[in-house]
C-alpha atoms as a PDB file:
ATOM      1  CA  MET A   1       0.103 114.306  43.104  1.00  0.00           C
ATOM      2  CA  GLU A   2       1.411 116.029  46.271  1.00  0.00           C
ATOM      3  CA  LEU A   3       2.609 118.930  44.129  1.00  0.00           C
ATOM      4  CA  CYS A   4      -0.948 119.303  42.824  1.00  0.00           C
ATOM      5  CA  TYR A   5      -2.309 119.422  46.382  1.00  0.00           C
ATOM      6  CA  ALA A   6       0.297 121.976  47.425  1.00  0.00           C
ATOM      7  CA  PHE A   7      -0.780 124.159  44.501  1.00  0.00           C
ATOM      8  CA  LEU A   8      -4.474 123.805  45.401  1.00  0.00           C
ATOM      9  CA  ASP A   9      -3.856 124.588  49.058  1.00  0.00           C
ATOM     10  CA  ARG A  10      -1.778 127.643  48.162  1.00  0.00           C
ATOM     11  CA  ALA A  11      -4.229 128.937  45.513  1.00  0.00           C
ATOM     12  CA  ALA A  12      -7.212 128.542  47.833  1.00  0.00           C
ATOM     13  CA  GLY A  13      -5.333 130.216  50.689  1.00  0.00           C
ATOM     14  CA  GLU A  14      -4.282 133.172  48.549  1.00  0.00           C
ATOM     15  CA  LEU A  15      -7.942 133.684  47.598  1.00  0.00           C
ATOM     16  CA  GLY A  16      -9.149 133.331  51.198  1.00  0.00           C
ATOM     17  CA  CYS A  17     -11.080 130.127  50.466  1.00  0.00           C
ATOM     18  CA  PRO A  18     -11.280 127.352  53.063  1.00  0.00           C
ATOM     19  CA  CYS A  19      -9.692 124.171  51.676  1.00  0.00           C
ATOM     20  CA  VAL A  20     -10.308 120.832  53.395  1.00  0.00           C
ATOM     21  CA  ALA A  21      -8.525 117.574  52.566  1.00  0.00           C
ATOM     22  CA  GLY A  22     -10.600 114.397  52.657  1.00  0.00           C
ATOM     23  CA  GLU A  23     -13.968 116.095  53.216  1.00  0.00           C
ATOM     24  CA  PRO A  24     -16.753 113.454  53.096  1.00  0.00           C
ATOM     25  CA  MET A  25     -19.047 114.215  50.166  1.00  0.00           C
ATOM     26  CA  SER A  26     -21.908 112.575  52.062  1.00  0.00           C
ATOM     27  CA  ARG A  27     -22.129 115.868  53.989  1.00  0.00           C
ATOM     28  CA  HIS A  28     -22.795 117.790  50.800  1.00  0.00           C
ATOM     29  CA  THR A  29     -25.250 115.711  48.741  1.00  0.00           C
ATOM     30  CA  THR A  30     -28.988 115.380  49.202  1.00  0.00           C
ATOM     31  CA  PHE A  31     -28.663 111.585  49.073  1.00  0.00           C
ATOM     32  CA  GLN A  32     -26.041 111.791  51.858  1.00  0.00           C
ATOM     33  CA  ILE A  33     -23.700 109.344  50.148  1.00  0.00           C
ATOM     34  CA  GLY A  34     -20.201 109.638  48.771  1.00  0.00           C
ATOM     35  CA  GLY A  35     -16.596 109.207  49.722  1.00  0.00           C
ATOM     36  CA  PRO A  36     -14.011 111.908  50.363  1.00  0.00           C
ATOM     37  CA  ALA A  37     -13.066 114.784  48.092  1.00  0.00           C
ATOM     38  CA  ASP A  38      -9.302 115.052  47.713  1.00  0.00           C
ATOM     39  CA  ARG A  39      -9.775 118.788  48.254  1.00  0.00           C
ATOM     40  CA  PHE A  40     -13.046 120.541  49.118  1.00  0.00           C
ATOM     41  CA  ILE A  41     -12.761 124.275  48.527  1.00  0.00           C
ATOM     42  CA  THR A  42     -15.520 126.675  49.561  1.00  0.00           C
ATOM     43  CA  VAL A  43     -15.891 129.939  47.662  1.00  0.00           C
ATOM     44  CA  GLU A  44     -18.036 132.747  49.039  1.00  0.00           C
ATOM     45  CA  THR A  45     -17.600 135.477  46.438  1.00  0.00           C
ATOM     46  CA  LEU A  46     -17.620 135.691  42.665  1.00  0.00           C
ATOM     47  CA  PRO A  47     -14.013 137.027  42.564  1.00  0.00           C
ATOM     48  CA  GLN A  48     -12.894 133.974  44.582  1.00  0.00           C
ATOM     49  CA  LEU A  49     -14.657 131.650  42.142  1.00  0.00           C
ATOM     50  CA  LYS A  50     -13.185 133.395  39.109  1.00  0.00           C
ATOM     51  CA  GLY A  51      -9.696 133.331  40.604  1.00  0.00           C
ATOM     52  CA  LEU A  52      -9.902 129.676  41.545  1.00  0.00           C
ATOM     53  CA  VAL A  53     -11.275 128.563  38.172  1.00  0.00           C
ATOM     54  CA  LYS A  54      -8.538 130.568  36.428  1.00  0.00           C
ATOM     55  CA  ALA A  55      -5.783 129.064  38.608  1.00  0.00           C
ATOM     56  CA  LEU A  56      -7.068 125.506  38.176  1.00  0.00           C
ATOM     57  CA  GLY A  57      -7.431 126.005  34.435  1.00  0.00           C
ATOM     58  CA  GLN A  58      -3.889 127.334  34.092  1.00  0.00           C
ATOM     59  CA  GLU A  59      -2.587 124.235  35.852  1.00  0.00           C
ATOM     60  CA  GLY A  60      -4.864 121.921  33.864  1.00  0.00           C
ATOM     61  CA  LEU A  61      -6.397 120.498  37.047  1.00  0.00           C
ATOM     62  CA  PRO A  62      -9.875 118.956  36.940  1.00  0.00           C
ATOM     63  CA  PHE A  63     -12.558 120.167  39.328  1.00  0.00           C
ATOM     64  CA  LEU A  64     -16.291 119.945  39.963  1.00  0.00           C
ATOM     65  CA  LEU A  65     -18.451 122.951  40.763  1.00  0.00           C
ATOM     66  CA  LEU A  66     -20.967 121.928  43.397  1.00  0.00           C
ATOM     67  CA  GLY A  67     -24.165 123.829  43.993  1.00  0.00           C
ATOM     68  CA  LYS A  68     -26.562 122.470  46.575  1.00  0.00           C
ATOM     69  CA  GLY A  69     -25.593 118.832  45.938  1.00  0.00           C
ATOM     70  CA  SER A  70     -28.959 117.709  44.629  1.00  0.00           C
ATOM     71  CA  ASN A  71     -29.053 115.093  41.882  1.00  0.00           C
ATOM     72  CA  LEU A  72     -25.413 114.263  42.559  1.00  0.00           C
ATOM     73  CA  LEU A  73     -24.108 110.782  43.276  1.00  0.00           C
ATOM     74  CA  VAL A  74     -20.507 110.396  44.417  1.00  0.00           C
ATOM     75  CA  SER A  75     -18.744 107.045  44.605  1.00  0.00           C
ATOM     76  CA  ASP A  76     -17.686 105.773  48.016  1.00  0.00           C
ATOM     77  CA  LYS A  77     -14.155 105.863  46.576  1.00  0.00           C
ATOM     78  CA  GLY A  78     -14.398 109.642  46.505  1.00  0.00           C
ATOM     79  CA  ILE A  79     -13.821 112.366  43.972  1.00  0.00           C
ATOM     80  CA  PHE A  80     -10.933 114.574  42.892  1.00  0.00           C
ATOM     81  CA  ASN A  81     -11.357 118.321  43.495  1.00  0.00           C
ATOM     82  CA  VAL A  82     -14.638 119.937  44.461  1.00  0.00           C
ATOM     83  CA  THR A  83     -15.428 123.631  44.628  1.00  0.00           C
ATOM     84  CA  ASP A  84     -18.462 124.404  46.761  1.00  0.00           C
ATOM     85  CA  THR A  85     -20.439 127.357  45.427  1.00  0.00           C
ATOM     86  CA  LYS A  86     -23.595 127.200  47.566  1.00  0.00           C
ATOM     87  CA  LYS A  87     -22.497 130.237  49.619  1.00  0.00           C
ATOM     88  CA  LEU A  88     -22.390 132.466  46.562  1.00  0.00           C
ATOM     89  CA  PRO A  89     -25.100 135.149  46.479  1.00  0.00           C
END
């Protein structure tokens, strides 16, 4: 699994996307509940999103695209990889 995280960190960094390990999902849902995301990646531009989705797809890694976090319940155990898109225009 560490190899997967190294790939995510590198891919996010190459695209200029902030990548946070263990980010509490309670900060990003309207219900303010949820455990940590293994990796929480914030994209701010469409090219960043396209590049990240392409890289994750090529590696076969699962991810969740998060908008504003409404109608989303996350277990206290956490979630795998989350890509935050709420800063997109």
